[in-house]
Amino acid sequence: MGPIKRHKKRKRKRVEKVFDQNVPNPSLPYQPQALDWWDQFSKRITGPSSHSKDLPRFESVLKISRKTFNYICSLVKEEMMAKPANFTDLNGKLLSLNDRVAVAIRRLSSGESLSAVGNLLGINQSTVAQITWRFLGSHGKPRDPPPQVALHGSGDERDQAEAVVDPEMRFLDVVTGWPGSMSHSLVLKSSSFFRLCEEGERLNGKKIKLLGETELREYIIGDAAFPLLPWLLTPYPYDPYQRPRSHNVFVSFNMRLSATKMVALRALTRLKETWRIINGVMWRPDKNRLPRIILVCCILHNICIDLKDEVQCEIPVDDVNDPGYRQQVCEYRDETASGLRDDVSLYLDCFVDRGLSSID
């Protein structure tokens, strides 16, 4: 009898199955997916049994992008979550940081009453008010203005605001809290911005030479409602006795100034279109906080510009004043500023409009 042959065991190849995480696999036990914060929050609007496809878009409710929202949350986190602040909804559920910021943003952007926002989101209106006030207290103020920016006034019988705006429509200084019956020039002269500019603590950068020994300091521009000052250039008033050459130069200067001023007007229009609480429904405590509300809305406006918020970029902007707006006129002209304005007008006419390399 021959030897018994032993069969070699074949090694089985190990096969690893790779599962696509995005495709449901019936062989795996059910694992519920973590819901996005917005999916849960938006069900406050549509109801708890709503399907994802029926939920409102984030941007349509809050008027800003997710990126901007997340950045704002990071700025206000410490203040918004500070104790004591156990804010809850009508069901007693504790509101998260995102919930609280969304409530405040909705209140500021919609301009709806406290009760309307509370009913929409299932939150008591007093809680909406407290969250909004805490949010308003968690922001600073715009930075100091650079040269060649525009000053514009806007307001009604409730309150008025004067703003310094840069070429990208950022608010760099805001004066609020004065009654709408005051003139723009008086509001300006009553502001700390005016005092600092007069004392040389603002708009005090490097001077440039224009014609001969004429030096131009940093300045802003304004319309006829403001005084003509060395740091604030305003348009020429109409003068039927001007010589034709001078008339053309002055008209050209006024056109340039008007085009630049439109930036400030568009910025104010976008501010009020985006943050509708400025012209919205307010109860008495809100009205007392209107200057703070305007300031914070300006800061949020600046954040959207700095982050290039795509939602904000889609909002149409008109360069028109509010209905009923009346152009004010300030007669005051500083003599030094008057001569400086002439030099600027001549400089622009010779070196910019006509492209000369020297003045004959």
Protein backbone atom coordinates (compact mmCIF):
# COMPACT_ATOMS: atom_id res chain seq x y z
CA MET A 1 0.00 0.00 0.00
CA GLY A 2 1.45 3.31 -1.02
CA PRO A 3 1.79 6.36 1.14
CA ILE A 4 -1.32 8.45 1.77
CA LYS A 5 -1.27 11.70 -0.16
CA ARG A 6 -1.98 14.81 1.86
CA HIS A 7 -3.97 17.51 0.11
CA LYS A 8 -2.61 20.98 0.54
CA LYS A 9 -5.12 23.45 1.88
CA ARG A 10 -5.66 26.26 -0.47
CA LYS A 11 -5.37 29.67 1.09
CA ARG A 12 -8.54 31.60 0.65
CA LYS A 13 -8.08 35.06 -0.62
CA ARG A 14 -9.37 37.65 1.75
CA VAL A 15 -11.83 39.89 0.07
CA GLU A 16 -12.64 43.24 1.59
CA LYS A 17 -15.77 44.95 0.52
CA VAL A 18 -15.64 48.69 0.32
CA PHE A 19 -18.95 50.34 0.94
CA ASP A 20 -19.84 53.73 -0.47
CA GLN A 21 -20.90 55.83 2.47
CA ASN A 22 -23.29 57.77 0.28
CA VAL A 23 -25.22 54.69 -0.90
CA PRO A 24 -27.51 52.83 1.58
CA ASN A 25 -26.54 49.22 2.06
CA PRO A 26 -29.31 46.81 3.10
CA SER A 27 -26.84 44.33 4.63
CA LEU A 28 -25.71 46.85 7.24
CA PRO A 29 -27.74 47.62 10.35
CA TYR A 30 -29.67 50.92 10.20
CA GLN A 31 -27.67 53.89 11.43
CA PRO A 32 -29.55 57.18 11.65
CA GLN A 33 -27.77 60.10 9.97
CA ALA A 34 -26.94 63.14 12.05
CA LEU A 35 -29.30 65.95 11.09
CA ASP A 36 -27.90 69.28 10.00
CA TRP A 37 -28.60 72.08 12.50
CA TRP A 38 -30.65 73.98 9.92
CA ASP A 39 -32.83 70.93 9.20
CA GLN A 40 -33.89 70.92 12.82
CA PHE A 41 -34.21 74.69 13.21
CA SER A 42 -36.23 75.21 10.02
CA LYS A 43 -38.81 72.69 11.21
CA ARG A 44 -39.79 75.35 13.71
CA ILE A 45 -41.20 77.16 10.67
CA THR A 46 -42.69 74.29 8.67
CA GLY A 47 -43.61 71.89 11.49
CA PRO A 48 -41.83 68.87 13.07
CA SER A 49 -43.18 66.35 10.54
CA SER A 50 -41.93 68.24 7.46
CA HIS A 51 -39.73 66.47 4.94
CA SER A 52 -36.29 67.82 4.07
CA LYS A 53 -37.39 68.79 0.57
CA ASP A 54 -40.10 71.03 2.05
CA LEU A 55 -37.79 72.97 4.38
CA PRO A 56 -37.12 76.64 3.59
CA ARG A 57 -33.68 77.62 2.33
CA PHE A 58 -31.30 79.04 4.91
CA GLU A 59 -30.56 82.09 2.76
CA SER A 60 -34.23 82.93 2.18
CA VAL A 61 -34.93 83.07 5.93
CA LEU A 62 -31.80 84.82 7.24
CA LYS A 63 -30.69 86.82 4.14
CA ILE A 64 -27.01 85.87 4.57
CA SER A 65 -24.84 82.91 3.57
CA ARG A 66 -23.89 80.00 5.82
CA LYS A 67 -20.27 81.16 5.79
CA THR A 68 -21.21 84.61 7.06
CA PHE A 69 -23.55 83.12 9.67
CA ASN A 70 -20.85 80.82 11.03
CA TYR A 71 -18.38 83.71 11.23
CA ILE A 72 -20.88 85.86 13.15
CA CYS A 73 -21.49 82.96 15.55
CA SER A 74 -17.75 82.77 16.25
CA LEU A 75 -17.66 86.49 17.06
CA VAL A 76 -20.57 86.51 19.51
CA LYS A 77 -20.23 83.03 21.04
CA GLU A 78 -18.83 84.14 24.40
CA GLU A 79 -21.40 86.85 24.98
CA MET A 80 -24.38 84.91 23.63
CA MET A 81 -23.67 81.82 25.77
CA ALA A 82 -22.69 83.70 28.95
CA LYS A 83 -24.69 82.93 32.08
CA PRO A 84 -27.39 83.53 33.12
CA ALA A 85 -28.94 82.82 29.75
CA ASN A 86 -30.98 79.64 29.74
CA PHE A 87 -33.08 80.66 26.74
CA THR A 88 -35.63 78.01 25.77
CA ASP A 89 -38.42 77.60 23.24
CA LEU A 90 -42.11 77.09 24.05
CA ASN A 91 -41.46 73.36 24.59
CA GLY A 92 -38.74 74.03 27.15
CA LYS A 93 -35.92 73.00 24.81
CA LEU A 94 -32.67 74.85 25.44
CA LEU A 95 -31.64 77.04 22.50
CA SER A 96 -28.13 76.47 21.13
CA LEU A 97 -25.71 79.19 20.01
CA ASN A 98 -26.84 78.76 16.39
CA ASP A 99 -30.48 78.94 17.46
CA ARG A 100 -29.91 82.19 19.33
CA VAL A 101 -27.95 83.88 16.58
CA ALA A 102 -30.56 82.80 14.01
CA VAL A 103 -33.34 84.32 16.14
CA ALA A 104 -31.47 87.64 16.37
CA ILE A 105 -30.58 87.68 12.66
CA ARG A 106 -34.18 86.91 11.70
CA ARG A 107 -35.44 89.73 13.92
CA LEU A 108 -32.96 92.25 12.46
CA SER A 109 -33.29 91.21 8.83
CA SER A 110 -37.06 90.79 8.64
CA GLY A 111 -38.15 93.86 10.57
CA GLU A 112 -41.10 91.82 11.86
CA SER A 113 -42.55 92.39 15.31
CA LEU A 114 -41.36 90.38 18.30
CA SER A 115 -44.63 88.45 18.36
CA ALA A 116 -44.40 87.62 14.63
CA VAL A 117 -40.85 86.28 14.99
CA GLY A 118 -41.81 84.38 18.15
CA ASN A 119 -44.85 82.79 16.52
CA LEU A 120 -42.81 81.81 13.46
CA LEU A 121 -40.06 80.11 15.47
CA GLY A 122 -42.05 78.76 18.43
CA ILE A 123 -40.38 81.05 20.96
CA ASN A 124 -41.88 83.43 23.50
CA GLN A 125 -41.66 87.05 22.31
CA SER A 126 -39.89 88.14 25.51
CA THR A 127 -37.21 85.53 24.77
CA VAL A 128 -36.88 86.91 21.23
CA ALA A 129 -36.38 90.38 22.70
CA GLN A 130 -33.78 89.25 25.26
CA ILE A 131 -31.81 87.28 22.66
CA THR A 132 -31.84 90.24 20.27
CA TRP A 133 -30.67 92.67 22.95
CA ARG A 134 -27.87 90.36 23.99
CA PHE A 135 -26.82 90.01 20.35
CA LEU A 136 -26.82 93.81 19.94
CA GLY A 137 -24.54 94.13 22.96
CA SER A 138 -21.93 91.72 21.61
CA HIS A 139 -20.54 93.92 18.80
CA GLY A 140 -17.99 96.72 18.67
CA LYS A 141 -17.88 99.65 16.25
CA PRO A 142 -16.61 100.35 12.70
CA ARG A 143 -12.95 101.25 12.20
CA ASP A 144 -11.58 104.73 11.52
CA PRO A 145 -12.17 106.20 8.04
CA PRO A 146 -9.46 106.46 5.37
CA PRO A 147 -9.25 109.43 2.95
CA GLN A 148 -11.65 110.17 0.08
CA VAL A 149 -14.81 108.61 1.41
CA ALA A 150 -18.35 109.94 1.34
CA LEU A 151 -20.54 111.40 4.08
CA HIS A 152 -24.30 111.11 3.73
CA GLY A 153 -27.26 111.83 5.98
CA SER A 154 -30.52 109.90 6.17
CA GLY A 155 -33.42 109.88 8.59
CA ASP A 156 -37.04 110.57 9.43
CA GLU A 157 -39.04 111.96 12.31
CA ARG A 158 -37.94 109.07 14.58
CA ASP A 159 -34.19 109.29 14.27
CA GLN A 160 -31.50 110.00 11.75
CA ALA A 161 -28.09 108.62 10.89
CA GLU A 162 -25.04 110.11 9.21
CA ALA A 163 -22.48 107.70 7.84
CA VAL A 164 -18.97 107.81 6.42
CA VAL A 165 -18.66 105.19 3.67
CA ASP A 166 -15.65 103.91 1.72
CA PRO A 167 -15.59 103.04 -2.03
CA GLU A 168 -16.59 99.41 -1.28
CA MET A 169 -19.70 100.61 0.63
CA ARG A 170 -18.31 99.80 4.08
CA PHE A 171 -19.49 101.96 6.95
CA LEU A 172 -16.46 103.51 8.63
CA ASP A 173 -18.12 105.93 11.02
CA VAL A 174 -21.76 106.26 12.01
CA VAL A 175 -23.48 109.09 13.89
CA THR A 176 -26.90 108.10 15.28
CA GLY A 177 -29.30 109.03 18.03
CA TRP A 178 -30.25 112.56 16.94
CA PRO A 179 -33.88 113.48 16.14
CA GLY A 180 -34.89 113.67 12.51
CA SER A 181 -35.81 117.34 12.88
CA MET A 182 -32.16 118.37 13.28
CA SER A 183 -30.23 119.53 10.22
CA HIS A 184 -27.46 117.28 8.87
CA SER A 185 -24.86 120.00 9.48
CA LEU A 186 -25.86 120.38 13.13
CA VAL A 187 -25.80 116.61 13.68
CA LEU A 188 -22.29 116.51 12.19
CA LYS A 189 -21.05 119.38 14.39
CA SER A 190 -22.50 117.65 17.46
CA SER A 191 -20.61 114.40 16.79
CA SER A 192 -17.30 113.17 18.17
CA PHE A 193 -16.22 112.54 14.57
CA PHE A 194 -16.41 116.30 13.86
CA ARG A 195 -14.44 117.15 17.01
CA LEU A 196 -11.71 114.62 16.26
CA CYS A 197 -11.34 115.86 12.68
CA GLU A 198 -11.15 119.48 13.85
CA GLU A 199 -8.49 118.56 16.40
CA GLY A 200 -6.46 116.67 13.79
CA GLU A 201 -6.94 113.27 15.39
CA ARG A 202 -8.87 111.93 12.39
CA LEU A 203 -8.04 112.23 8.68
CA ASN A 204 -4.48 113.09 9.69
CA GLY A 205 -2.44 110.95 7.29
CA LYS A 206 0.19 112.03 4.80
CA LYS A 207 -0.58 115.19 2.80
CA ILE A 208 -0.12 115.42 -0.96
CA LYS A 209 0.89 118.41 -3.09
CA LEU A 210 -1.46 119.71 -5.75
CA LEU A 211 -0.42 122.95 -7.43
CA GLY A 212 2.71 124.80 -6.36
CA GLU A 213 2.84 124.70 -2.58
CA THR A 214 -0.81 123.75 -2.08
CA GLU A 215 -1.13 120.69 0.14
CA LEU A 216 -4.18 118.46 0.42
CA ARG A 217 -4.84 116.62 3.67
CA GLU A 218 -6.97 113.52 3.96
CA TYR A 219 -10.59 114.41 3.40
CA ILE A 220 -14.11 113.16 2.88
CA ILE A 221 -16.84 114.50 0.61
CA GLY A 222 -20.42 115.44 1.35
CA ASP A 223 -23.39 117.01 -0.37
CA ALA A 224 -24.77 120.54 -0.03
CA ALA A 225 -26.28 119.73 3.38
CA PHE A 226 -22.84 119.89 4.99
CA PRO A 227 -20.39 122.76 5.60
CA LEU A 228 -17.34 123.24 3.37
CA LEU A 229 -14.30 122.49 5.55
CA PRO A 230 -10.60 121.69 4.92
CA TRP A 231 -11.36 118.00 5.57
CA LEU A 232 -14.90 117.98 4.06
CA LEU A 233 -15.34 119.04 0.43
CA THR A 234 -18.84 119.87 -0.81
CA PRO A 235 -20.21 120.86 -4.26
CA TYR A 236 -20.11 124.34 -5.74
CA PRO A 237 -23.38 126.25 -5.47
CA TYR A 238 -24.94 127.42 -8.71
CA ASP A 239 -23.58 130.83 -9.79
CA PRO A 240 -24.97 132.36 -13.01
CA TYR A 241 -22.13 134.92 -13.11
CA GLN A 242 -19.26 132.42 -13.40
CA ARG A 243 -17.01 132.65 -16.46
CA PRO A 244 -17.52 129.80 -18.98
CA ARG A 245 -14.12 128.18 -18.25
CA SER A 246 -14.66 128.31 -14.50
CA HIS A 247 -18.23 127.12 -14.91
CA ASN A 248 -17.12 124.02 -16.82
CA VAL A 249 -14.45 123.21 -14.24
CA PHE A 250 -16.88 123.56 -11.35
CA VAL A 251 -19.58 121.54 -13.10
CA SER A 252 -17.06 118.77 -13.74
CA PHE A 253 -16.04 118.79 -10.07
CA ASN A 254 -19.68 118.61 -8.95
CA MET A 255 -20.33 115.67 -11.26
CA ARG A 256 -17.36 113.78 -9.84
CA LEU A 257 -18.47 114.52 -6.31
CA SER A 258 -22.06 113.45 -7.04
CA ALA A 259 -20.91 110.15 -8.58
CA THR A 260 -18.78 109.41 -5.52
CA LYS A 261 -21.59 110.33 -3.15
CA MET A 262 -23.81 107.71 -4.79
CA VAL A 263 -21.66 105.05 -3.09
CA ALA A 264 -22.82 106.29 0.29
CA LEU A 265 -26.44 106.43 -0.86
CA ARG A 266 -26.29 102.86 -2.22
CA ALA A 267 -24.71 101.66 1.03
CA LEU A 268 -27.52 103.16 3.10
CA THR A 269 -30.11 101.70 0.74
CA ARG A 270 -28.61 98.21 1.02
CA LEU A 271 -28.37 98.57 4.78
CA LYS A 272 -32.10 99.32 5.08
CA GLU A 273 -33.08 96.67 2.53
CA THR A 274 -31.10 93.94 4.29
CA TRP A 275 -31.65 94.89 7.93
CA ARG A 276 -35.29 95.92 7.81
CA ILE A 277 -35.63 96.42 11.55
CA ILE A 278 -34.26 99.94 10.93
CA ASN A 279 -37.58 100.86 9.30
CA GLY A 280 -39.58 98.00 10.78
CA VAL A 281 -42.06 97.38 13.60
CA MET A 282 -40.68 98.41 17.00
CA TRP A 283 -42.05 98.56 20.49
CA ARG A 284 -40.86 101.25 22.90
CA PRO A 285 -37.78 99.46 24.34
CA ASP A 286 -36.56 98.79 20.78
CA LYS A 287 -37.03 102.45 19.83
CA ASN A 288 -34.85 103.47 22.76
CA ARG A 289 -32.14 101.18 21.38
CA LEU A 290 -32.43 102.37 17.77
CA PRO A 291 -28.95 104.00 17.68
CA ARG A 292 -27.42 100.71 18.85
CA ILE A 293 -29.54 98.75 16.36
CA ILE A 294 -28.32 100.93 13.48
CA LEU A 295 -24.69 100.60 14.58
CA VAL A 296 -24.83 96.79 14.82
CA CYS A 297 -26.59 96.55 11.45
CA CYS A 298 -23.73 98.61 9.96
CA ILE A 299 -21.21 96.17 11.46
CA LEU A 300 -23.12 93.20 10.02
CA HIS A 301 -23.24 95.01 6.66
CA ASN A 302 -19.43 95.39 6.78
CA ILE A 303 -18.94 91.72 7.65
CA CYS A 304 -20.98 90.70 4.60
CA ILE A 305 -18.77 92.89 2.38
CA ASP A 306 -15.50 91.62 3.91
CA LEU A 307 -16.59 87.99 3.43
CA LYS A 308 -17.93 88.68 -0.09
CA ASP A 309 -21.29 87.25 0.94
CA GLU A 310 -22.87 85.93 -2.27
CA VAL A 311 -26.41 86.35 -0.92
CA GLN A 312 -25.83 90.04 -0.29
CA CYS A 313 -24.31 90.50 -3.73
CA GLU A 314 -27.58 89.32 -5.28
CA ILE A 315 -29.64 92.01 -3.54
CA PRO A 316 -30.46 94.83 -6.01
CA VAL A 317 -29.34 98.26 -4.79
CA ASP A 318 -30.93 101.55 -5.84
CA ASP A 319 -29.24 104.92 -5.45
CA VAL A 320 -32.34 106.88 -4.50
CA ASN A 321 -33.22 108.72 -1.30
CA ASP A 322 -36.14 107.78 0.92
CA PRO A 323 -39.59 109.00 -0.16
CA GLY A 324 -40.13 112.53 1.11
CA TYR A 325 -36.41 113.25 1.39
CA ARG A 326 -35.61 116.95 1.00
CA GLN A 327 -32.17 118.17 0.05
CA GLN A 328 -30.82 120.41 2.78
CA VAL A 329 -28.39 123.28 2.09
CA CYS A 330 -25.70 124.55 4.43
CA GLU A 331 -24.38 128.02 3.58
CA TYR A 332 -21.23 127.84 5.70
CA ARG A 333 -17.92 127.88 3.76
CA ASP A 334 -14.50 127.94 5.38
CA GLU A 335 -12.30 130.38 3.39
CA THR A 336 -9.27 128.09 3.42
CA ALA A 337 -11.43 125.18 2.28
CA SER A 338 -12.95 127.32 -0.48
CA GLY A 339 -9.51 128.00 -1.99
CA LEU A 340 -8.55 124.35 -1.53
CA ARG A 341 -11.66 123.21 -3.40
CA ASP A 342 -10.72 125.52 -6.32
CA ASP A 343 -7.22 124.00 -6.40
CA VAL A 344 -8.63 120.45 -6.39
CA SER A 345 -11.05 121.32 -9.20
CA LEU A 346 -8.29 122.85 -11.32
CA TYR A 347 -5.96 119.92 -10.63
CA LEU A 348 -8.61 117.41 -11.72
CA ASP A 349 -9.42 119.44 -14.82
CA CYS A 350 -5.78 119.74 -15.92
CA PHE A 351 -4.19 116.47 -14.90
CA VAL A 352 -7.12 114.06 -15.05
CA ASP A 353 -9.70 115.34 -17.52
CA ARG A 354 -7.23 116.79 -20.05
CA GLY A 355 -4.23 114.59 -19.25
CA LEU A 356 -1.66 117.40 -19.05
CA SER A 357 1.75 116.75 -17.53
CA SER A 358 2.15 120.34 -16.35
CA ILE A 359 0.06 123.47 -16.03
CA ASP A 360 0.70 126.30 -18.50
